[in-house]
Amino acid sequence: MRKSASLVDVLMTLVAGTRQHSIDFLFINGRTPALIQAGLFCSYHLFVSPHSSQLTNLVFARPGVSVIELQNEMFVENTFIDLGTKVGIDYHLPKQGE
């Protein structure tokens, strides 16, 4: 049986381990205007996201921003890691148990 945590559990753990006292939950989908998506991705310093096509918005992120992408360890896709490193993003793909 595979141990897993919800995205909310992961985010709350991150908040507890930092000096941040709040987090913003952003839900971006195909109906979110492109200008809004670009604005959101260039205004944050840390993104935690499941593997999703919305990570293509990383092209709008500032260099040095940190990204933690959550993926199923049975299927690891490097597309966004490659994109992130090309635009200067500090990219993390944690393994189960990290």
C-alpha atoms as a PDB file:
ATOM      1  CA  MET A   1       0.000   0.000   0.000  1.00  0.00           C
ATOM      2  CA  ARG A   2       1.361   3.401  -0.975  1.00  0.00           C
ATOM      3  CA  LYS A   3       1.436   6.108   1.675  1.00  0.00           C
ATOM      4  CA  SER A   4       0.271   9.476   0.392  1.00  0.00           C
ATOM      5  CA  ALA A   5      -0.743  12.877   1.660  1.00  0.00           C
ATOM      6  CA  SER A   6      -3.137  15.411   0.283  1.00  0.00           C
ATOM      7  CA  LEU A   7      -1.851  18.631  -1.228  1.00  0.00           C
ATOM      8  CA  VAL A   8      -3.386  20.517   1.710  1.00  0.00           C
ATOM      9  CA  ASP A   9      -1.414  18.341   4.180  1.00  0.00           C
ATOM     10  CA  VAL A  10       1.803  19.051   2.272  1.00  0.00           C
ATOM     11  CA  LEU A  11       1.147  22.800   2.241  1.00  0.00           C
ATOM     12  CA  MET A  12       0.295  22.913   5.931  1.00  0.00           C
ATOM     13  CA  THR A  13       3.528  21.064   6.712  1.00  0.00           C
ATOM     14  CA  LEU A  14       5.454  23.642   4.671  1.00  0.00           C
ATOM     15  CA  VAL A  15       3.778  26.520   6.492  1.00  0.00           C
ATOM     16  CA  ALA A  16       4.490  24.947   9.883  1.00  0.00           C
ATOM     17  CA  GLY A  17       8.180  24.625   9.004  1.00  0.00           C
ATOM     18  CA  THR A  18       8.614  28.215   7.834  1.00  0.00           C
ATOM     19  CA  ARG A  19       7.908  31.684   9.118  1.00  0.00           C
ATOM     20  CA  GLN A  20       5.042  32.071   6.679  1.00  0.00           C
ATOM     21  CA  HIS A  21       1.757  32.294   8.515  1.00  0.00           C
ATOM     22  CA  SER A  22      -0.500  32.089   5.522  1.00  0.00           C
ATOM     23  CA  ILE A  23      -0.663  30.491   2.140  1.00  0.00           C
ATOM     24  CA  ASP A  24      -2.710  31.294  -0.909  1.00  0.00           C
ATOM     25  CA  PHE A  25      -4.490  28.470  -2.673  1.00  0.00           C
ATOM     26  CA  LEU A  26      -4.699  29.212  -6.374  1.00  0.00           C
ATOM     27  CA  PHE A  27      -6.905  27.251  -8.693  1.00  0.00           C
ATOM     28  CA  ILE A  28      -6.075  27.892 -12.319  1.00  0.00           C
ATOM     29  CA  ASN A  29      -7.923  26.211 -15.139  1.00  0.00           C
ATOM     30  CA  GLY A  30      -8.600  26.694 -18.838  1.00  0.00           C
ATOM     31  CA  ARG A  31     -11.092  29.472 -18.109  1.00  0.00           C
ATOM     32  CA  THR A  32      -8.597  31.604 -16.173  1.00  0.00           C
ATOM     33  CA  PRO A  33      -7.558  34.448 -18.507  1.00  0.00           C
ATOM     34  CA  ALA A  34      -3.945  34.191 -19.713  1.00  0.00           C
ATOM     35  CA  LEU A  35      -3.068  37.639 -18.351  1.00  0.00           C
ATOM     36  CA  ILE A  36      -4.261  36.612 -14.867  1.00  0.00           C
ATOM     37  CA  GLN A  37      -2.254  33.380 -15.056  1.00  0.00           C
ATOM     38  CA  ALA A  38       0.891  35.276 -16.076  1.00  0.00           C
ATOM     39  CA  GLY A  39       0.382  37.780 -13.259  1.00  0.00           C
ATOM     40  CA  LEU A  40      -0.029  35.068 -10.653  1.00  0.00           C
ATOM     41  CA  PHE A  41       3.040  33.153 -11.748  1.00  0.00           C
ATOM     42  CA  CYS A  42       5.273  36.221 -11.682  1.00  0.00           C
ATOM     43  CA  SER A  43       4.115  37.381  -8.239  1.00  0.00           C
ATOM     44  CA  TYR A  44       4.861  34.384  -5.986  1.00  0.00           C
ATOM     45  CA  HIS A  45       8.155  33.012  -4.629  1.00  0.00           C
ATOM     46  CA  LEU A  46       7.102  29.412  -4.008  1.00  0.00           C
ATOM     47  CA  PHE A  47       4.778  27.098  -5.889  1.00  0.00           C
ATOM     48  CA  VAL A  48       3.659  23.669  -4.742  1.00  0.00           C
ATOM     49  CA  SER A  49       1.679  21.898  -7.400  1.00  0.00           C
ATOM     50  CA  PRO A  50       0.658  18.472  -8.534  1.00  0.00           C
ATOM     51  CA  HIS A  51       1.869  17.600 -12.018  1.00  0.00           C
ATOM     52  CA  SER A  52      -0.416  19.657 -14.237  1.00  0.00           C
ATOM     53  CA  SER A  53      -0.408  21.404 -17.599  1.00  0.00           C
ATOM     54  CA  GLN A  54      -0.862  24.680 -15.702  1.00  0.00           C
ATOM     55  CA  LEU A  55       2.831  24.451 -14.833  1.00  0.00           C
ATOM     56  CA  THR A  56       3.535  25.693 -18.361  1.00  0.00           C
ATOM     57  CA  ASN A  57       2.891  29.095 -16.772  1.00  0.00           C
ATOM     58  CA  LEU A  58       6.335  28.768 -15.206  1.00  0.00           C
ATOM     59  CA  VAL A  59       7.593  30.663 -18.252  1.00  0.00           C
ATOM     60  CA  PHE A  60       6.142  33.746 -16.486  1.00  0.00           C
ATOM     61  CA  ALA A  61       7.831  33.021 -13.129  1.00  0.00           C
ATOM     62  CA  ARG A  62      10.786  35.088 -11.983  1.00  0.00           C
ATOM     63  CA  PRO A  63      14.218  33.441 -11.960  1.00  0.00           C
ATOM     64  CA  GLY A  64      15.002  32.014  -8.539  1.00  0.00           C
ATOM     65  CA  VAL A  65      11.412  31.108  -7.667  1.00  0.00           C
ATOM     66  CA  SER A  66      11.078  27.678  -6.014  1.00  0.00           C
ATOM     67  CA  VAL A  67       8.779  24.992  -7.353  1.00  0.00           C
ATOM     68  CA  ILE A  68       7.861  21.741  -5.673  1.00  0.00           C
ATOM     69  CA  GLU A  69       6.071  19.496  -8.123  1.00  0.00           C
ATOM     70  CA  LEU A  70       4.197  16.514  -6.726  1.00  0.00           C
ATOM     71  CA  GLN A  71       4.060  13.506  -9.005  1.00  0.00           C
ATOM     72  CA  ASN A  72       3.076   9.893  -8.765  1.00  0.00           C
ATOM     73  CA  GLU A  73       6.402   8.119  -8.370  1.00  0.00           C
ATOM     74  CA  MET A  74       5.223   5.392 -10.743  1.00  0.00           C
ATOM     75  CA  PHE A  75       5.114   7.941 -13.569  1.00  0.00           C
ATOM     76  CA  VAL A  76       7.718  10.678 -13.468  1.00  0.00           C
ATOM     77  CA  GLU A  77       7.492  13.274 -16.220  1.00  0.00           C
ATOM     78  CA  ASN A  78      10.395  15.718 -16.661  1.00  0.00           C
ATOM     79  CA  THR A  79       8.765  18.247 -19.005  1.00  0.00           C
ATOM     80  CA  PHE A  80       8.265  20.960 -16.390  1.00  0.00           C
ATOM     81  CA  ILE A  81      11.603  20.288 -14.710  1.00  0.00           C
ATOM     82  CA  ASP A  82      13.297  20.939 -18.057  1.00  0.00           C
ATOM     83  CA  LEU A  83      11.213  24.080 -18.609  1.00  0.00           C
ATOM     84  CA  GLY A  84      11.905  25.322 -15.085  1.00  0.00           C
ATOM     85  CA  THR A  85      15.653  24.899 -15.280  1.00  0.00           C
ATOM     86  CA  LYS A  86      15.729  26.751 -18.615  1.00  0.00           C
ATOM     87  CA  VAL A  87      14.105  29.828 -17.046  1.00  0.00           C
ATOM     88  CA  GLY A  88      16.165  29.774 -13.824  1.00  0.00           C
ATOM     89  CA  ILE A  89      13.723  28.116 -11.423  1.00  0.00           C
ATOM     90  CA  ASP A  90      14.812  26.232  -8.307  1.00  0.00           C
ATOM     91  CA  TYR A  91      12.914  23.030  -9.086  1.00  0.00           C
ATOM     92  CA  HIS A  92      12.212  20.177  -6.684  1.00  0.00           C
ATOM     93  CA  LEU A  93      10.606  16.843  -7.376  1.00  0.00           C
ATOM     94  CA  PRO A  94      10.437  15.106  -3.977  1.00  0.00           C
ATOM     95  CA  LYS A  95      10.301  11.364  -3.696  1.00  0.00           C
ATOM     96  CA  GLN A  96       7.853   9.592  -1.420  1.00  0.00           C
ATOM     97  CA  GLY A  97       8.849  10.024   2.204  1.00  0.00           C
ATOM     98  CA  GLU A  98      10.764  13.295   1.704  1.00  0.00           C
END
